[in-house]
Protein backbone atom coordinates (compact mmCIF):
# COMPACT_ATOMS: atom_id res chain seq x y z
CA MET A 1 -0.49 18.04 3.37
CA THR A 2 -0.29 15.07 0.98
CA VAL A 3 -0.62 11.30 1.23
CA TYR A 4 3.16 11.23 1.75
CA ASP A 5 2.75 12.78 5.20
CA PHE A 6 1.13 9.61 6.57
CA ASN A 7 2.53 6.50 8.19
CA VAL A 8 0.52 3.30 8.21
CA LYS A 9 0.94 -0.08 9.86
CA GLY A 10 2.37 -2.80 7.66
CA VAL A 11 1.21 -6.40 7.85
CA ASP A 12 4.37 -7.20 9.80
CA GLY A 13 3.34 -4.65 12.46
CA GLY A 14 6.01 -2.14 11.49
CA GLU A 15 5.38 1.45 10.51
CA VAL A 16 5.43 2.25 6.80
CA SER A 17 5.87 5.80 5.56
CA LEU A 18 3.77 6.52 2.51
CA SER A 19 6.55 8.88 1.44
CA SER A 20 8.19 5.73 0.07
CA TYR A 21 5.62 5.98 -2.76
CA LYS A 22 6.59 9.53 -3.82
CA GLY A 23 6.23 10.08 -7.54
CA LYS A 24 3.87 7.12 -8.01
CA VAL A 25 0.20 7.08 -8.96
CA LEU A 26 -1.66 5.32 -6.16
CA MET A 27 -4.99 3.61 -5.73
CA VAL A 28 -5.92 3.34 -2.06
CA VAL A 29 -8.68 0.78 -1.48
CA ASN A 30 -10.40 -0.68 1.57
CA THR A 31 -10.98 -4.39 1.02
CA ALA A 32 -12.68 -7.45 2.45
CA THR A 33 -12.29 -11.16 1.80
CA LYS A 34 -15.86 -12.32 2.49
CA CYS A 35 -17.84 -9.78 0.49
CA GLY A 36 -19.84 -10.02 -2.71
CA LEU A 37 -17.34 -7.52 -4.14
CA THR A 38 -14.27 -9.59 -3.18
CA PRO A 39 -13.81 -10.71 -6.83
CA GLN A 40 -12.66 -7.12 -7.47
CA TYR A 41 -9.29 -8.38 -6.24
CA LYS A 42 -8.87 -10.03 -9.65
CA ALA A 43 -9.44 -6.74 -11.50
CA LEU A 44 -7.19 -4.89 -9.05
CA GLU A 45 -4.37 -7.34 -9.70
CA GLU A 46 -4.88 -7.01 -13.47
CA LEU A 47 -4.57 -3.21 -13.19
CA TYR A 48 -1.52 -3.56 -10.98
CA ARG A 49 0.26 -5.84 -13.44
CA LYS A 50 -0.69 -3.66 -16.40
CA TYR A 51 0.47 -0.33 -14.95
CA HIS A 52 2.99 -1.15 -12.21
CA ASP A 53 6.03 -0.69 -14.45
CA GLN A 54 4.74 2.78 -15.33
CA GLY A 55 4.69 3.88 -11.68
CA PHE A 56 1.31 2.63 -10.42
CA GLU A 57 0.76 1.13 -6.98
CA ILE A 58 -2.32 -0.26 -5.26
CA LEU A 59 -2.38 0.10 -1.49
CA ASP A 60 -4.72 -2.47 0.06
CA PHE A 61 -6.23 -1.73 3.47
CA PRO A 62 -8.44 -4.58 4.75
CA CYS A 63 -11.36 -3.32 6.82
CA ASN A 64 -13.78 -5.35 8.92
CA GLN A 65 -16.30 -2.54 9.55
CA PHE A 66 -18.88 -3.63 6.98
CA LYS A 67 -20.76 -6.67 8.25
CA GLU A 68 -17.45 -8.12 9.51
CA GLN A 69 -16.55 -9.21 5.98
CA ALA A 70 -12.77 -9.06 6.55
CA PRO A 71 -12.35 -11.60 9.34
CA GLY A 72 -9.06 -13.13 10.37
CA THR A 73 -5.56 -11.92 10.97
CA ASP A 74 -3.48 -9.91 8.54
CA ALA A 75 -1.60 -13.12 7.69
CA GLU A 76 -4.83 -15.04 7.01
CA ILE A 77 -6.11 -12.23 4.78
CA GLY A 78 -2.81 -12.25 2.90
CA GLU A 79 -2.95 -16.01 2.42
CA PHE A 80 -6.51 -15.80 1.12
CA CYS A 81 -5.65 -13.07 -1.40
CA THR A 82 -2.56 -14.88 -2.63
CA LEU A 83 -4.28 -18.24 -2.91
CA HIS A 84 -7.53 -17.08 -4.54
CA TYR A 85 -6.48 -13.99 -6.50
CA SER A 86 -2.66 -14.17 -6.76
CA THR A 87 -2.38 -10.59 -5.54
CA THR A 88 1.07 -9.04 -5.51
CA PHE A 89 0.31 -5.40 -4.63
CA PRO A 90 1.13 -4.03 -1.16
CA ARG A 91 -1.27 -4.91 1.64
CA PHE A 92 -1.29 -3.23 5.01
CA SER A 93 -2.67 -4.08 8.43
CA LYS A 94 -6.43 -4.13 8.92
CA ILE A 95 -7.87 -0.70 9.78
CA ASP A 96 -11.09 1.19 10.42
CA VAL A 97 -12.09 3.67 7.72
CA ASN A 98 -15.06 5.31 9.45
CA GLY A 99 -15.94 6.40 12.97
CA LYS A 100 -13.92 7.48 15.97
CA ASP A 101 -11.22 4.87 15.33
CA ALA A 102 -10.80 5.67 11.63
CA ASP A 103 -7.20 5.61 10.50
CA PRO A 104 -5.83 9.16 10.06
CA LEU A 105 -5.08 8.39 6.40
CA TYR A 106 -8.76 7.72 5.77
CA VAL A 107 -9.85 10.77 7.74
CA TRP A 108 -7.68 12.86 5.42
CA LEU A 109 -8.76 11.03 2.24
CA LYS A 110 -12.43 11.66 3.05
CA GLN A 111 -11.72 15.35 3.76
CA GLN A 112 -10.04 15.69 0.37
CA ALA A 113 -12.85 13.93 -1.54
CA PRO A 114 -16.00 13.91 0.60
CA GLU A 115 -18.22 12.16 -1.96
CA ASP A 116 -17.87 9.19 -4.31
CA ASP A 117 -17.85 9.64 -8.06
CA LYS A 118 -21.49 9.19 -9.10
CA ARG A 119 -20.87 7.04 -12.19
CA ALA A 120 -21.40 3.86 -10.20
CA ALA A 121 -23.66 4.82 -7.31
CA PHE A 122 -23.85 2.29 -4.54
CA ASP A 123 -26.68 3.91 -2.62
CA LYS A 124 -29.03 0.90 -2.44
CA LEU A 125 -26.51 -1.27 -0.60
CA THR A 126 -25.49 1.62 1.65
CA LYS A 127 -29.11 2.25 2.60
CA LEU A 128 -29.78 -1.43 3.18
CA PHE A 129 -26.73 -2.34 5.28
CA ASN A 130 -25.11 0.93 6.28
CA HIS A 131 -28.09 3.24 6.78
CA LYS A 132 -26.33 5.31 9.47
CA ALA A 133 -23.51 6.35 7.14
CA LYS A 134 -22.67 10.02 6.92
CA PRO A 135 -22.37 11.45 3.40
CA GLU A 136 -18.57 11.54 3.61
CA ASP A 137 -18.22 8.02 5.04
CA ILE A 138 -16.74 5.15 3.12
CA LYS A 139 -19.87 3.39 1.93
CA TRP A 140 -18.72 -0.24 1.81
CA ASN A 141 -15.83 -2.53 0.99
CA PHE A 142 -13.78 -1.65 -2.11
CA GLY A 143 -14.14 2.13 -2.01
CA LYS A 144 -11.27 3.59 -4.03
CA PHE A 145 -9.17 6.76 -4.04
CA LEU A 146 -6.79 7.70 -6.83
CA ILE A 147 -3.74 9.73 -5.83
CA ASP A 148 -1.63 11.69 -8.32
CA ARG A 149 2.17 11.68 -8.50
CA GLU A 150 2.32 14.70 -6.16
CA GLY A 151 0.40 12.87 -3.43
CA ASN A 152 -2.94 14.65 -3.90
CA VAL A 153 -6.33 12.97 -4.11
CA ALA A 154 -7.39 12.95 -7.76
CA GLY A 155 -10.68 11.09 -7.34
CA ARG A 156 -12.88 8.98 -5.11
CA PHE A 157 -14.87 6.06 -6.49
CA SER A 158 -17.67 4.02 -5.01
CA PRO A 159 -17.40 0.31 -4.27
CA GLY A 160 -19.65 -0.35 -7.28
CA CYS A 161 -17.14 1.27 -9.63
CA THR A 162 -15.09 -1.72 -10.69
CA PRO A 163 -11.34 -1.24 -11.04
CA ASP A 164 -11.36 -1.82 -14.81
CA LYS A 165 -13.54 1.30 -15.22
CA LEU A 166 -10.71 3.44 -13.85
CA GLN A 167 -8.15 2.72 -16.57
CA GLU A 168 -8.70 6.06 -18.30
CA GLU A 169 -8.15 7.99 -15.07
CA ILE A 170 -5.06 5.92 -14.20
CA GLU A 171 -3.55 6.43 -17.65
CA ALA A 172 -4.15 10.18 -17.45
CA LEU A 173 -2.42 10.38 -14.06
CA LEU A 174 0.48 8.23 -15.26
CA SER A 175 1.03 10.51 -18.27
CA ASN A 176 1.44 13.60 -16.08
């Protein structure tokens, strides 16, 4: 199984097959618009513009599970991101990433990479706000997964690992 085996809900309500991204390097990220980490949208957009022509895509999945920091409709979230951060990468419908209602894509992602990369541990915030989290759970907004051109998980990165710190990994995946 690869990421290409999944369908997700687009912001227009239609089903989107992730097989449409075959051969691309992907960053899958759960986001929020009212979080202290929301400025990461700027760095995500910078990465997207820098590497998009080389086959890089960012797949944005808003999630309201962490202190309800992604309020509003899909359209309102899209307007916010466009207005404040000029984002142009694909955004999908709001989902759950943990628990019984977790999107199947995120269930699979967490199975493939059960723990975050430890370079930017985010344990203090997790313990403070999300103390019931299981080790494999997404810890907070802006958790990131890198996917190689074959659709396999190549890495999982904590919310505290800013997008700019992943350039080396992205470049390595793009060169393969």
